[in-house]
Amino acid sequence: VWQFLQHINAPIGGANIDLEARTAI
């Protein structure tokens, strides 16, 4: 079967935001 790849959202929100981790992701 053809499996269509799903969209992955970038991280948003959260109580503790790690800007370096988000930039890397």
mmCIF file of all heavy atoms, coordinates in Angstrom:
data_MODEL
# 
_entry.id   MODEL 
# 
loop_
_atom_site.group_PDB 
_atom_site.id 
_atom_site.type_symbol 
_atom_site.label_atom_id 
_atom_site.label_alt_id 
_atom_site.label_comp_id 
_atom_site.label_asym_id 
_atom_site.label_entity_id 
_atom_site.label_seq_id 
_atom_site.pdbx_PDB_ins_code 
_atom_site.Cartn_x 
_atom_site.Cartn_y 
_atom_site.Cartn_z 
_atom_site.occupancy 
_atom_site.B_iso_or_equiv 
_atom_site.pdbx_formal_charge 
_atom_site.auth_seq_id 
_atom_site.auth_comp_id 
_atom_site.auth_asym_id 
_atom_site.auth_atom_id 
_atom_site.pdbx_PDB_model_num 
ATOM 1   N N   . VAL A 1 1  ? 0.852  -1.197 0.000  1.00 0.00 ? 1  VAL A N   1 
ATOM 2   C CA  . VAL A 1 1  ? 0.000  0.000  0.000  1.00 0.00 ? 1  VAL A CA  1 
ATOM 3   C C   . VAL A 1 1  ? 0.882  1.239  0.000  1.00 0.00 ? 1  VAL A C   1 
ATOM 4   O O   . VAL A 1 1  ? 1.914  1.278  0.680  1.00 0.00 ? 1  VAL A O   1 
ATOM 5   C CB  . VAL A 1 1  ? -0.920 0.014  1.252  1.00 0.00 ? 1  VAL A CB  1 
ATOM 6   C CG1 . VAL A 1 1  ? -1.794 1.246  1.281  1.00 0.00 ? 1  VAL A CG1 1 
ATOM 7   C CG2 . VAL A 1 1  ? -1.764 -1.239 1.331  1.00 0.00 ? 1  VAL A CG2 1 
ATOM 8   N N   . TRP A 1 2  ? 0.474  2.266  -0.734 1.00 0.00 ? 2  TRP A N   1 
ATOM 9   C CA  . TRP A 1 2  ? 1.172  3.552  -0.660 1.00 0.00 ? 2  TRP A CA  1 
ATOM 10  C C   . TRP A 1 2  ? 0.797  4.235  0.643  1.00 0.00 ? 2  TRP A C   1 
ATOM 11  O O   . TRP A 1 2  ? -0.382 4.469  0.914  1.00 0.00 ? 2  TRP A O   1 
ATOM 12  C CB  . TRP A 1 2  ? 0.793  4.449  -1.838 1.00 0.00 ? 2  TRP A CB  1 
ATOM 13  C CG  . TRP A 1 2  ? 1.413  4.022  -3.124 1.00 0.00 ? 2  TRP A CG  1 
ATOM 14  C CD1 . TRP A 1 2  ? 0.800  3.390  -4.165 1.00 0.00 ? 2  TRP A CD1 1 
ATOM 15  C CD2 . TRP A 1 2  ? 2.782  4.195  -3.511 1.00 0.00 ? 2  TRP A CD2 1 
ATOM 16  N NE1 . TRP A 1 2  ? 1.708  3.160  -5.169 1.00 0.00 ? 2  TRP A NE1 1 
ATOM 17  C CE2 . TRP A 1 2  ? 2.926  3.644  -4.798 1.00 0.00 ? 2  TRP A CE2 1 
ATOM 18  C CE3 . TRP A 1 2  ? 3.896  4.765  -2.892 1.00 0.00 ? 2  TRP A CE3 1 
ATOM 19  C CZ2 . TRP A 1 2  ? 4.144  3.647  -5.474 1.00 0.00 ? 2  TRP A CZ2 1 
ATOM 20  C CZ3 . TRP A 1 2  ? 5.102  4.766  -3.573 1.00 0.00 ? 2  TRP A CZ3 1 
ATOM 21  C CH2 . TRP A 1 2  ? 5.225  4.218  -4.841 1.00 0.00 ? 2  TRP A CH2 1 
ATOM 22  N N   . GLN A 1 3  ? 1.788  4.528  1.466  1.00 0.00 ? 3  GLN A N   1 
ATOM 23  C CA  . GLN A 1 3  ? 1.587  5.239  2.729  1.00 0.00 ? 3  GLN A CA  1 
ATOM 24  C C   . GLN A 1 3  ? 2.012  6.687  2.524  1.00 0.00 ? 3  GLN A C   1 
ATOM 25  O O   . GLN A 1 3  ? 3.188  6.955  2.253  1.00 0.00 ? 3  GLN A O   1 
ATOM 26  C CB  . GLN A 1 3  ? 2.446  4.610  3.838  1.00 0.00 ? 3  GLN A CB  1 
ATOM 27  C CG  . GLN A 1 3  ? 2.192  3.147  4.063  1.00 0.00 ? 3  GLN A CG  1 
ATOM 28  C CD  . GLN A 1 3  ? 0.898  2.896  4.808  1.00 0.00 ? 3  GLN A CD  1 
ATOM 29  O OE1 . GLN A 1 3  ? 0.449  3.719  5.588  1.00 0.00 ? 3  GLN A OE1 1 
ATOM 30  N NE2 . GLN A 1 3  ? 0.296  1.748  4.552  1.00 0.00 ? 3  GLN A NE2 1 
ATOM 31  N N   . PHE A 1 4  ? 1.074  7.615  2.640  1.00 0.00 ? 4  PHE A N   1 
ATOM 32  C CA  . PHE A 1 4  ? 1.392  9.027  2.462  1.00 0.00 ? 4  PHE A CA  1 
ATOM 33  C C   . PHE A 1 4  ? 1.914  9.592  3.774  1.00 0.00 ? 4  PHE A C   1 
ATOM 34  O O   . PHE A 1 4  ? 1.322  9.373  4.832  1.00 0.00 ? 4  PHE A O   1 
ATOM 35  C CB  . PHE A 1 4  ? 0.170  9.801  1.959  1.00 0.00 ? 4  PHE A CB  1 
ATOM 36  C CG  . PHE A 1 4  ? -0.103 9.509  0.512  1.00 0.00 ? 4  PHE A CG  1 
ATOM 37  C CD1 . PHE A 1 4  ? -0.810 8.379  0.140  1.00 0.00 ? 4  PHE A CD1 1 
ATOM 38  C CD2 . PHE A 1 4  ? 0.398  10.337 -0.472 1.00 0.00 ? 4  PHE A CD2 1 
ATOM 39  C CE1 . PHE A 1 4  ? -1.032 8.083  -1.191 1.00 0.00 ? 4  PHE A CE1 1 
ATOM 40  C CE2 . PHE A 1 4  ? 0.180  10.056 -1.809 1.00 0.00 ? 4  PHE A CE2 1 
ATOM 41  C CZ  . PHE A 1 4  ? -0.536 8.928  -2.165 1.00 0.00 ? 4  PHE A CZ  1 
ATOM 42  N N   . LEU A 1 5  ? 3.036  10.274 3.694  1.00 0.00 ? 5  LEU A N   1 
ATOM 43  C CA  . LEU A 1 5  ? 3.672  10.816 4.889  1.00 0.00 ? 5  LEU A CA  1 
ATOM 44  C C   . LEU A 1 5  ? 2.872  11.992 5.418  1.00 0.00 ? 5  LEU A C   1 
ATOM 45  O O   . LEU A 1 5  ? 2.426  12.851 4.648  1.00 0.00 ? 5  LEU A O   1 
ATOM 46  C CB  . LEU A 1 5  ? 5.107  11.239 4.566  1.00 0.00 ? 5  LEU A CB  1 
ATOM 47  C CG  . LEU A 1 5  ? 5.988  10.131 3.983  1.00 0.00 ? 5  LEU A CG  1 
ATOM 48  C CD1 . LEU A 1 5  ? 7.361  10.667 3.646  1.00 0.00 ? 5  LEU A CD1 1 
ATOM 49  C CD2 . LEU A 1 5  ? 6.095  8.968  4.958  1.00 0.00 ? 5  LEU A CD2 1 
ATOM 50  N N   . GLN A 1 6  ? 2.717  12.027 6.699  1.00 0.00 ? 6  GLN A N   1 
ATOM 51  C CA  . GLN A 1 6  ? 1.931  13.068 7.352  1.00 0.00 ? 6  GLN A CA  1 
ATOM 52  C C   . GLN A 1 6  ? 2.794  14.280 7.689  1.00 0.00 ? 6  GLN A C   1 
ATOM 53  O O   . GLN A 1 6  ? 3.985  14.151 7.934  1.00 0.00 ? 6  GLN A O   1 
ATOM 54  C CB  . GLN A 1 6  ? 1.288  12.520 8.625  1.00 0.00 ? 6  GLN A CB  1 
ATOM 55  C CG  . GLN A 1 6  ? 0.346  11.363 8.383  1.00 0.00 ? 6  GLN A CG  1 
ATOM 56  C CD  . GLN A 1 6  ? -0.817 11.743 7.500  1.00 0.00 ? 6  GLN A CD  1 
ATOM 57  O OE1 . GLN A 1 6  ? -1.456 12.772 7.710  1.00 0.00 ? 6  GLN A OE1 1 
ATOM 58  N NE2 . GLN A 1 6  ? -1.092 10.941 6.494  1.00 0.00 ? 6  GLN A NE2 1 
ATOM 59  N N   . HIS A 1 7  ? 2.165  15.421 7.741  1.00 0.00 ? 7  HIS A N   1 
ATOM 60  C CA  . HIS A 1 7  ? 2.840  16.658 8.122  1.00 0.00 ? 7  HIS A CA  1 
ATOM 61  C C   . HIS A 1 7  ? 3.193  16.616 9.608  1.00 0.00 ? 7  HIS A C   1 
ATOM 62  O O   . HIS A 1 7  ? 2.410  16.134 10.425 1.00 0.00 ? 7  HIS A O   1 
ATOM 63  C CB  . HIS A 1 7  ? 1.923  17.848 7.827  1.00 0.00 ? 7  HIS A CB  1 
ATOM 64  C CG  . HIS A 1 7  ? 2.455  19.139 8.320  1.00 0.00 ? 7  HIS A CG  1 
ATOM 65  N ND1 . HIS A 1 7  ? 3.493  19.781 7.703  1.00 0.00 ? 7  HIS A ND1 1 
ATOM 66  C CD2 . HIS A 1 7  ? 2.111  19.895 9.381  1.00 0.00 ? 7  HIS A CD2 1 
ATOM 67  C CE1 . HIS A 1 7  ? 3.763  20.889 8.371  1.00 0.00 ? 7  HIS A CE1 1 
ATOM 68  N NE2 . HIS A 1 7  ? 2.936  20.980 9.386  1.00 0.00 ? 7  HIS A NE2 1 
ATOM 69  N N   . ILE A 1 8  ? 4.369  17.080 9.949  1.00 0.00 ? 8  ILE A N   1 
ATOM 70  C CA  . ILE A 1 8  ? 4.791  17.189 11.350 1.00 0.00 ? 8  ILE A CA  1 
ATOM 71  C C   . ILE A 1 8  ? 4.894  18.665 11.692 1.00 0.00 ? 8  ILE A C   1 
ATOM 72  O O   . ILE A 1 8  ? 5.628  19.409 11.037 1.00 0.00 ? 8  ILE A O   1 
ATOM 73  C CB  . ILE A 1 8  ? 6.147  16.496 11.586 1.00 0.00 ? 8  ILE A CB  1 
ATOM 74  C CG1 . ILE A 1 8  ? 6.028  15.009 11.282 1.00 0.00 ? 8  ILE A CG1 1 
ATOM 75  C CG2 . ILE A 1 8  ? 6.618  16.719 13.016 1.00 0.00 ? 8  ILE A CG2 1 
ATOM 76  C CD1 . ILE A 1 8  ? 7.329  14.264 11.358 1.00 0.00 ? 8  ILE A CD1 1 
ATOM 77  N N   . ASN A 1 9  ? 4.153  19.084 12.688 1.00 0.00 ? 9  ASN A N   1 
ATOM 78  C CA  . ASN A 1 9  ? 4.161  20.493 13.091 1.00 0.00 ? 9  ASN A CA  1 
ATOM 79  C C   . ASN A 1 9  ? 5.400  20.827 13.914 1.00 0.00 ? 9  ASN A C   1 
ATOM 80  O O   . ASN A 1 9  ? 5.883  20.000 14.690 1.00 0.00 ? 9  ASN A O   1 
ATOM 81  C CB  . ASN A 1 9  ? 2.918  20.819 13.928 1.00 0.00 ? 9  ASN A CB  1 
ATOM 82  C CG  . ASN A 1 9  ? 1.655  20.737 13.113 1.00 0.00 ? 9  ASN A CG  1 
ATOM 83  O OD1 . ASN A 1 9  ? 1.617  21.166 11.966 1.00 0.00 ? 9  ASN A OD1 1 
ATOM 84  N ND2 . ASN A 1 9  ? 0.621  20.169 13.698 1.00 0.00 ? 9  ASN A ND2 1 
ATOM 85  N N   . ALA A 1 10 ? 5.866  22.040 13.734 1.00 0.00 ? 10 ALA A N   1 
ATOM 86  C CA  . ALA A 1 10 ? 6.956  22.540 14.569 1.00 0.00 ? 10 ALA A CA  1 
ATOM 87  C C   . ALA A 1 10 ? 6.420  22.765 15.983 1.00 0.00 ? 10 ALA A C   1 
ATOM 88  O O   . ALA A 1 10 ? 5.223  22.982 16.179 1.00 0.00 ? 10 ALA A O   1 
ATOM 89  C CB  . ALA A 1 10 ? 7.497  23.842 13.990 1.00 0.00 ? 10 ALA A CB  1 
ATOM 90  N N   . PRO A 1 11 ? 7.277  22.694 16.982 1.00 0.00 ? 11 PRO A N   1 
ATOM 91  C CA  . PRO A 1 11 ? 6.812  22.895 18.362 1.00 0.00 ? 11 PRO A CA  1 
ATOM 92  C C   . PRO A 1 11 ? 6.339  24.330 18.602 1.00 0.00 ? 11 PRO A C   1 
ATOM 93  O O   . PRO A 1 11 ? 6.943  25.276 18.109 1.00 0.00 ? 11 PRO A O   1 
ATOM 94  C CB  . PRO A 1 11 ? 8.039  22.566 19.206 1.00 0.00 ? 11 PRO A CB  1 
ATOM 95  C CG  . PRO A 1 11 ? 9.199  22.710 18.295 1.00 0.00 ? 11 PRO A CG  1 
ATOM 96  C CD  . PRO A 1 11 ? 8.699  22.434 16.918 1.00 0.00 ? 11 PRO A CD  1 
ATOM 97  N N   . ILE A 1 12 ? 5.237  24.436 19.340 1.00 0.00 ? 12 ILE A N   1 
ATOM 98  C CA  . ILE A 1 12 ? 4.719  25.756 19.745 1.00 0.00 ? 12 ILE A CA  1 
ATOM 99  C C   . ILE A 1 12 ? 4.199  25.639 21.175 1.00 0.00 ? 12 ILE A C   1 
ATOM 100 O O   . ILE A 1 12 ? 3.861  24.551 21.634 1.00 0.00 ? 12 ILE A O   1 
ATOM 101 C CB  . ILE A 1 12 ? 3.594  26.269 18.820 1.00 0.00 ? 12 ILE A CB  1 
ATOM 102 C CG1 . ILE A 1 12 ? 2.450  25.257 18.754 1.00 0.00 ? 12 ILE A CG1 1 
ATOM 103 C CG2 . ILE A 1 12 ? 4.117  26.568 17.431 1.00 0.00 ? 12 ILE A CG2 1 
ATOM 104 C CD1 . ILE A 1 12 ? 1.224  25.774 18.028 1.00 0.00 ? 12 ILE A CD1 1 
ATOM 105 N N   . GLY A 1 13 ? 4.125  26.771 21.849 1.00 0.00 ? 13 GLY A N   1 
ATOM 106 C CA  . GLY A 1 13 ? 3.558  26.800 23.196 1.00 0.00 ? 13 GLY A CA  1 
ATOM 107 C C   . GLY A 1 13 ? 4.380  26.029 24.220 1.00 0.00 ? 13 GLY A C   1 
ATOM 108 O O   . GLY A 1 13 ? 5.547  25.724 24.005 1.00 0.00 ? 13 GLY A O   1 
ATOM 109 N N   . GLY A 1 14 ? 3.751  25.732 25.333 1.00 0.00 ? 14 GLY A N   1 
ATOM 110 C CA  . GLY A 1 14 ? 4.409  24.986 26.397 1.00 0.00 ? 14 GLY A CA  1 
ATOM 111 C C   . GLY A 1 14 ? 4.762  25.871 27.574 1.00 0.00 ? 14 GLY A C   1 
ATOM 112 O O   . GLY A 1 14 ? 4.899  27.088 27.452 1.00 0.00 ? 14 GLY A O   1 
ATOM 113 N N   . ALA A 1 15 ? 4.930  25.268 28.740 1.00 0.00 ? 15 ALA A N   1 
ATOM 114 C CA  . ALA A 1 15 ? 5.254  26.009 29.959 1.00 0.00 ? 15 ALA A CA  1 
ATOM 115 C C   . ALA A 1 15 ? 6.716  26.434 29.981 1.00 0.00 ? 15 ALA A C   1 
ATOM 116 O O   . ALA A 1 15 ? 7.044  27.557 30.368 1.00 0.00 ? 15 ALA A O   1 
ATOM 117 C CB  . ALA A 1 15 ? 4.934  25.153 31.182 1.00 0.00 ? 15 ALA A CB  1 
ATOM 118 N N   . ASN A 1 16 ? 7.605  25.549 29.577 1.00 0.00 ? 16 ASN A N   1 
ATOM 119 C CA  . ASN A 1 16 ? 9.043  25.848 29.541 1.00 0.00 ? 16 ASN A CA  1 
ATOM 120 C C   . ASN A 1 16 ? 9.524  25.791 28.099 1.00 0.00 ? 16 ASN A C   1 
ATOM 121 O O   . ASN A 1 16 ? 9.538  24.720 27.488 1.00 0.00 ? 16 ASN A O   1 
ATOM 122 C CB  . ASN A 1 16 ? 9.836  24.841 30.385 1.00 0.00 ? 16 ASN A CB  1 
ATOM 123 C CG  . ASN A 1 16 ? 9.441  24.905 31.834 1.00 0.00 ? 16 ASN A CG  1 
ATOM 124 O OD1 . ASN A 1 16 ? 9.322  25.993 32.402 1.00 0.00 ? 16 ASN A OD1 1 
ATOM 125 N ND2 . ASN A 1 16 ? 9.219  23.756 32.439 1.00 0.00 ? 16 ASN A ND2 1 
ATOM 126 N N   . ILE A 1 17 ? 9.904  26.933 27.559 1.00 0.00 ? 17 ILE A N   1 
ATOM 127 C CA  . ILE A 1 17 ? 10.313 27.004 26.158 1.00 0.00 ? 17 ILE A CA  1 
ATOM 128 C C   . ILE A 1 17 ? 11.835 27.029 26.079 1.00 0.00 ? 17 ILE A C   1 
ATOM 129 O O   . ILE A 1 17 ? 12.484 27.909 26.641 1.00 0.00 ? 17 ILE A O   1 
ATOM 130 C CB  . ILE A 1 17 ? 9.706  28.244 25.476 1.00 0.00 ? 17 ILE A CB  1 
ATOM 131 C CG1 . ILE A 1 17 ? 8.180  28.122 25.500 1.00 0.00 ? 17 ILE A CG1 1 
ATOM 132 C CG2 . ILE A 1 17 ? 10.234 28.391 24.064 1.00 0.00 ? 17 ILE A CG2 1 
ATOM 133 C CD1 . ILE A 1 17 ? 7.453  29.337 24.991 1.00 0.00 ? 17 ILE A CD1 1 
ATOM 134 N N   . ASP A 1 18 ? 12.377 26.052 25.382 1.00 0.00 ? 18 ASP A N   1 
ATOM 135 C CA  . ASP A 1 18 ? 13.815 25.958 25.140 1.00 0.00 ? 18 ASP A CA  1 
ATOM 136 C C   . ASP A 1 18 ? 14.065 26.408 23.709 1.00 0.00 ? 18 ASP A C   1 
ATOM 137 O O   . ASP A 1 18 ? 13.843 25.657 22.759 1.00 0.00 ? 18 ASP A O   1 
ATOM 138 C CB  . ASP A 1 18 ? 14.277 24.514 25.364 1.00 0.00 ? 18 ASP A CB  1 
ATOM 139 C CG  . ASP A 1 18 ? 15.772 24.349 25.207 1.00 0.00 ? 18 ASP A CG  1 
ATOM 140 O OD1 . ASP A 1 18 ? 16.401 25.185 24.524 1.00 0.00 ? 18 ASP A OD1 1 
ATOM 141 O OD2 . ASP A 1 18 ? 16.309 23.369 25.746 1.00 0.00 ? 18 ASP A OD2 1 
ATOM 142 N N   . LEU A 1 19 ? 14.492 27.662 23.541 1.00 0.00 ? 19 LEU A N   1 
ATOM 143 C CA  . LEU A 1 19 ? 14.674 28.230 22.210 1.00 0.00 ? 19 LEU A CA  1 
ATOM 144 C C   . LEU A 1 19 ? 15.732 27.493 21.391 1.00 0.00 ? 19 LEU A C   1 
ATOM 145 O O   . LEU A 1 19 ? 15.584 27.322 20.184 1.00 0.00 ? 19 LEU A O   1 
ATOM 146 C CB  . LEU A 1 19 ? 15.013 29.716 22.307 1.00 0.00 ? 19 LEU A CB  1 
ATOM 147 C CG  . LEU A 1 19 ? 13.886 30.602 22.849 1.00 0.00 ? 19 LEU A CG  1 
ATOM 148 C CD1 . LEU A 1 19 ? 14.352 32.056 22.952 1.00 0.00 ? 19 LEU A CD1 1 
ATOM 149 C CD2 . LEU A 1 19 ? 12.666 30.503 21.955 1.00 0.00 ? 19 LEU A CD2 1 
ATOM 150 N N   . GLU A 1 20 ? 16.793 27.054 22.021 1.00 0.00 ? 20 GLU A N   1 
ATOM 151 C CA  . GLU A 1 20 ? 17.826 26.318 21.292 1.00 0.00 ? 20 GLU A CA  1 
ATOM 152 C C   . GLU A 1 20 ? 17.287 24.987 20.768 1.00 0.00 ? 20 GLU A C   1 
ATOM 153 O O   . GLU A 1 20 ? 17.557 24.600 19.629 1.00 0.00 ? 20 GLU A O   1 
ATOM 154 C CB  . GLU A 1 20 ? 19.046 26.073 22.188 1.00 0.00 ? 20 GLU A CB  1 
ATOM 155 C CG  . GLU A 1 20 ? 19.846 27.332 22.464 1.00 0.00 ? 20 GLU A CG  1 
ATOM 156 C CD  . GLU A 1 20 ? 21.041 27.075 23.368 1.00 0.00 ? 20 GLU A CD  1 
ATOM 157 O OE1 . GLU A 1 20 ? 21.429 25.903 23.551 1.00 0.00 ? 20 GLU A OE1 1 
ATOM 158 O OE2 . GLU A 1 20 ? 21.581 28.050 23.881 1.00 0.00 ? 20 GLU A OE2 1 
ATOM 159 N N   . ALA A 1 21 ? 16.520 24.281 21.586 1.00 0.00 ? 21 ALA A N   1 
ATOM 160 C CA  . ALA A 1 21 ? 15.937 23.012 21.160 1.00 0.00 ? 21 ALA A CA  1 
ATOM 161 C C   . ALA A 1 21 ? 14.944 23.235 20.021 1.00 0.00 ? 21 ALA A C   1 
ATOM 162 O O   . ALA A 1 21 ? 14.926 22.490 19.036 1.00 0.00 ? 21 ALA A O   1 
ATOM 163 C CB  . ALA A 1 21 ? 15.258 22.307 22.322 1.00 0.00 ? 21 ALA A CB  1 
ATOM 164 N N   . ARG A 1 22 ? 14.127 24.286 20.142 1.00 0.00 ? 22 ARG A N   1 
ATOM 165 C CA  . ARG A 1 22 ? 13.147 24.581 19.078 1.00 0.00 ? 22 ARG A CA  1 
ATOM 166 C C   . ARG A 1 22 ? 13.840 24.960 17.775 1.00 0.00 ? 22 ARG A C   1 
ATOM 167 O O   . ARG A 1 22 ? 13.412 24.544 16.708 1.00 0.00 ? 22 ARG A O   1 
ATOM 168 C CB  . ARG A 1 22 ? 12.204 25.690 19.512 1.00 0.00 ? 22 ARG A CB  1 
ATOM 169 C CG  . ARG A 1 22 ? 11.231 25.184 20.530 1.00 0.00 ? 22 ARG A CG  1 
ATOM 170 C CD  . ARG A 1 22 ? 10.074 26.068 20.686 1.00 0.00 ? 22 ARG A CD  1 
ATOM 171 N NE  . ARG A 1 22 ? 9.194  25.456 21.683 1.00 0.00 ? 22 ARG A NE  1 
ATOM 172 C CZ  . ARG A 1 22 ? 8.079  25.998 22.065 1.00 0.00 ? 22 ARG A CZ  1 
ATOM 173 N NH1 . ARG A 1 22 ? 7.693  27.143 21.566 1.00 0.00 ? 22 ARG A NH1 1 
ATOM 174 N NH2 . ARG A 1 22 ? 7.331  25.397 22.955 1.00 0.00 ? 22 ARG A NH2 1 
ATOM 175 N N   . THR A 1 23 ? 14.917 25.716 17.856 1.00 0.00 ? 23 THR A N   1 
ATOM 176 C CA  . THR A 1 23 ? 15.670 26.075 16.654 1.00 0.00 ? 23 THR A CA  1 
ATOM 177 C C   . THR A 1 23 ? 16.239 24.821 15.999 1.00 0.00 ? 23 THR A C   1 
ATOM 178 O O   . THR A 1 23 ? 16.185 24.659 14.776 1.00 0.00 ? 23 THR A O   1 
ATOM 179 C CB  . THR A 1 23 ? 16.801 27.064 17.003 1.00 0.00 ? 23 THR A CB  1 
ATOM 180 O OG1 . THR A 1 23 ? 16.215 28.242 17.577 1.00 0.00 ? 23 THR A OG1 1 
ATOM 181 C CG2 . THR A 1 23 ? 17.607 27.443 15.779 1.00 0.00 ? 23 THR A CG2 1 
ATOM 182 N N   . ALA A 1 24 ? 16.761 23.913 16.815 1.00 0.00 ? 24 ALA A N   1 
ATOM 183 C CA  . ALA A 1 24 ? 17.312 22.655 16.289 1.00 0.00 ? 24 ALA A CA  1 
ATOM 184 C C   . ALA A 1 24 ? 16.216 21.812 15.635 1.00 0.00 ? 24 ALA A C   1 
ATOM 185 O O   . ALA A 1 24 ? 16.399 21.275 14.536 1.00 0.00 ? 24 ALA A O   1 
ATOM 186 C CB  . ALA A 1 24 ? 18.002 21.879 17.393 1.00 0.00 ? 24 ALA A CB  1 
ATOM 187 N N   . ILE A 1 25 ? 15.066 21.692 16.292 1.00 0.00 ? 25 ILE A N   1 
ATOM 188 C CA  . ILE A 1 25 ? 13.949 20.911 15.743 1.00 0.00 ? 25 ILE A CA  1 
ATOM 189 C C   . ILE A 1 25 ? 13.452 21.532 14.444 1.00 0.00 ? 25 ILE A C   1 
ATOM 190 O O   . ILE A 1 25 ? 13.224 20.832 13.455 1.00 0.00 ? 25 ILE A O   1 
ATOM 191 C CB  . ILE A 1 25 ? 12.813 20.776 16.777 1.00 0.00 ? 25 ILE A CB  1 
ATOM 192 C CG1 . ILE A 1 25 ? 13.270 19.901 17.944 1.00 0.00 ? 25 ILE A CG1 1 
ATOM 193 C CG2 . ILE A 1 25 ? 11.549 20.215 16.134 1.00 0.00 ? 25 ILE A CG2 1 
ATOM 194 C CD1 . ILE A 1 25 ? 12.347 19.931 19.144 1.00 0.00 ? 25 ILE A CD1 1 
# 
